[in-house]
């Protein structure tokens, strides 16, 4: 379902920018590689979990209308459909 304030492209763009500028240096550790980080694109808050629902639910508990972007830590995509994930670290 689309977010009422942001397009999917805007959510992705902002999430990636926040990850690269502020979050990556804190979360890309060996124990987190392959986990999901969900990022509230308006506040910059983030949560790490084994999958998208787990990493998102804590953020949505704080702000139910949050626009969230999900990134697989250490990889180029969250999911691979018919392909493979590529490590970025």
C-alpha atoms as a PDB file:
ATOM      1  CA  UNK A   1       0.000   0.000   0.000  1.00  0.00           C
ATOM      2  CA  UNK A   2       1.427   3.408  -0.915  1.00  0.00           C
ATOM      3  CA  UNK A   3       2.460   5.803   1.825  1.00  0.00           C
ATOM      4  CA  UNK A   4       0.200   8.908   1.975  1.00  0.00           C
ATOM      5  CA  UNK A   5       3.080  11.426   2.140  1.00  0.00           C
ATOM      6  CA  UNK A   6       5.912   9.841   0.137  1.00  0.00           C
ATOM      7  CA  UNK A   7       6.318   7.857  -3.053  1.00  0.00           C
ATOM      8  CA  UNK A   8       8.142   4.523  -2.935  1.00  0.00           C
ATOM      9  CA  UNK A   9      11.002   6.139  -4.853  1.00  0.00           C
ATOM     10  CA  UNK A  10      11.306   8.985  -2.321  1.00  0.00           C
ATOM     11  CA  UNK A  11      11.269   6.546   0.610  1.00  0.00           C
ATOM     12  CA  UNK A  12      14.011   4.489  -1.031  1.00  0.00           C
ATOM     13  CA  UNK A  13      16.101   7.540  -1.902  1.00  0.00           C
ATOM     14  CA  UNK A  14      15.887   9.031   1.587  1.00  0.00           C
ATOM     15  CA  UNK A  15      16.467   5.686   3.288  1.00  0.00           C
ATOM     16  CA  UNK A  16      19.588   4.993   1.236  1.00  0.00           C
ATOM     17  CA  UNK A  17      20.942   8.499   1.881  1.00  0.00           C
ATOM     18  CA  UNK A  18      20.408   8.205   5.645  1.00  0.00           C
ATOM     19  CA  UNK A  19      22.005   4.766   5.658  1.00  0.00           C
ATOM     20  CA  UNK A  20      25.089   5.886   3.737  1.00  0.00           C
ATOM     21  CA  UNK A  21      25.538   9.200   5.607  1.00  0.00           C
ATOM     22  CA  UNK A  22      24.728   8.255   9.211  1.00  0.00           C
ATOM     23  CA  UNK A  23      23.797   4.652   9.893  1.00  0.00           C
ATOM     24  CA  UNK A  24      26.134   2.358   7.945  1.00  0.00           C
ATOM     25  CA  UNK A  25      29.189   3.060  10.117  1.00  0.00           C
ATOM     26  CA  UNK A  26      27.240   1.999  13.218  1.00  0.00           C
ATOM     27  CA  UNK A  27      25.535  -1.157  11.961  1.00  0.00           C
ATOM     28  CA  UNK A  28      27.859  -2.886   9.484  1.00  0.00           C
ATOM     29  CA  UNK A  29      29.448  -5.273  11.961  1.00  0.00           C
ATOM     30  CA  UNK A  30      30.026  -9.006  11.474  1.00  0.00           C
ATOM     31  CA  UNK A  31      27.112  -9.922  13.757  1.00  0.00           C
ATOM     32  CA  UNK A  32      24.715  -7.708  11.745  1.00  0.00           C
ATOM     33  CA  UNK A  33      25.705  -8.691   8.179  1.00  0.00           C
ATOM     34  CA  UNK A  34      22.601 -10.076   6.462  1.00  0.00           C
ATOM     35  CA  UNK A  35      20.130  -8.577   8.949  1.00  0.00           C
ATOM     36  CA  UNK A  36      17.620  -5.888   8.022  1.00  0.00           C
ATOM     37  CA  UNK A  37      17.770  -2.287   9.187  1.00  0.00           C
ATOM     38  CA  UNK A  38      14.493  -0.365   8.967  1.00  0.00           C
ATOM     39  CA  UNK A  39      14.868   3.401   8.869  1.00  0.00           C
ATOM     40  CA  UNK A  40      12.261   6.054   9.628  1.00  0.00           C
ATOM     41  CA  UNK A  41      13.051   8.466   6.795  1.00  0.00           C
ATOM     42  CA  UNK A  42      11.644  11.456   8.685  1.00  0.00           C
ATOM     43  CA  UNK A  43      13.393  11.028  12.040  1.00  0.00           C
ATOM     44  CA  UNK A  44      16.464   8.984  11.085  1.00  0.00           C
ATOM     45  CA  UNK A  45      15.691   6.460  13.814  1.00  0.00           C
ATOM     46  CA  UNK A  46      16.428   2.852  12.910  1.00  0.00           C
ATOM     47  CA  UNK A  47      15.966  -0.674  14.202  1.00  0.00           C
ATOM     48  CA  UNK A  48      17.745  -3.907  13.273  1.00  0.00           C
ATOM     49  CA  UNK A  49      16.013  -7.283  12.984  1.00  0.00           C
ATOM     50  CA  UNK A  50      16.256 -10.651  11.277  1.00  0.00           C
ATOM     51  CA  UNK A  51      13.542  -9.664   8.801  1.00  0.00           C
ATOM     52  CA  UNK A  52      11.488  -6.653   7.693  1.00  0.00           C
ATOM     53  CA  UNK A  53       8.527  -7.172  10.074  1.00  0.00           C
ATOM     54  CA  UNK A  54      10.785  -7.553  13.110  1.00  0.00           C
ATOM     55  CA  UNK A  55      12.869  -4.490  12.316  1.00  0.00           C
ATOM     56  CA  UNK A  56       9.821  -2.384  11.420  1.00  0.00           C
ATOM     57  CA  UNK A  57       7.455  -3.182  14.277  1.00  0.00           C
ATOM     58  CA  UNK A  58       9.451  -1.283  16.930  1.00  0.00           C
ATOM     59  CA  UNK A  59       9.569   1.857  14.767  1.00  0.00           C
ATOM     60  CA  UNK A  60       5.869   1.607  13.940  1.00  0.00           C
ATOM     61  CA  UNK A  61       5.056   1.233  17.637  1.00  0.00           C
ATOM     62  CA  UNK A  62       6.606   4.679  18.178  1.00  0.00           C
ATOM     63  CA  UNK A  63       5.134   6.290  15.019  1.00  0.00           C
ATOM     64  CA  UNK A  64       2.367   4.294  13.324  1.00  0.00           C
ATOM     65  CA  UNK A  65       2.392   6.607  10.286  1.00  0.00           C
ATOM     66  CA  UNK A  66       6.177   6.414   9.786  1.00  0.00           C
ATOM     67  CA  UNK A  67       7.601   6.066   6.297  1.00  0.00           C
ATOM     68  CA  UNK A  68      10.084   3.203   6.562  1.00  0.00           C
ATOM     69  CA  UNK A  69      12.878   2.114   4.281  1.00  0.00           C
ATOM     70  CA  UNK A  70      14.455  -1.327   4.654  1.00  0.00           C
ATOM     71  CA  UNK A  71      18.049  -2.216   3.813  1.00  0.00           C
ATOM     72  CA  UNK A  72      19.838  -5.567   4.140  1.00  0.00           C
ATOM     73  CA  UNK A  73      23.051  -4.812   6.017  1.00  0.00           C
ATOM     74  CA  UNK A  74      26.111  -5.543   3.915  1.00  0.00           C
ATOM     75  CA  UNK A  75      24.211  -6.350   0.709  1.00  0.00           C
ATOM     76  CA  UNK A  76      23.008  -4.504  -2.368  1.00  0.00           C
ATOM     77  CA  UNK A  77      19.315  -5.417  -1.946  1.00  0.00           C
ATOM     78  CA  UNK A  78      16.829  -6.615   0.663  1.00  0.00           C
ATOM     79  CA  UNK A  79      15.623  -9.536  -1.483  1.00  0.00           C
ATOM     80  CA  UNK A  80      16.855 -11.290  -4.606  1.00  0.00           C
ATOM     81  CA  UNK A  81      14.144 -12.335  -7.046  1.00  0.00           C
ATOM     82  CA  UNK A  82      15.583 -14.719  -9.589  1.00  0.00           C
ATOM     83  CA  UNK A  83      19.110 -13.541  -8.874  1.00  0.00           C
ATOM     84  CA  UNK A  84      21.667 -13.335  -6.123  1.00  0.00           C
ATOM     85  CA  UNK A  85      22.464 -10.791  -3.458  1.00  0.00           C
ATOM     86  CA  UNK A  86      25.846  -9.129  -3.759  1.00  0.00           C
ATOM     87  CA  UNK A  87      27.910  -8.223  -0.709  1.00  0.00           C
ATOM     88  CA  UNK A  88      28.819  -4.552  -0.473  1.00  0.00           C
ATOM     89  CA  UNK A  89      31.442  -4.864   2.271  1.00  0.00           C
END
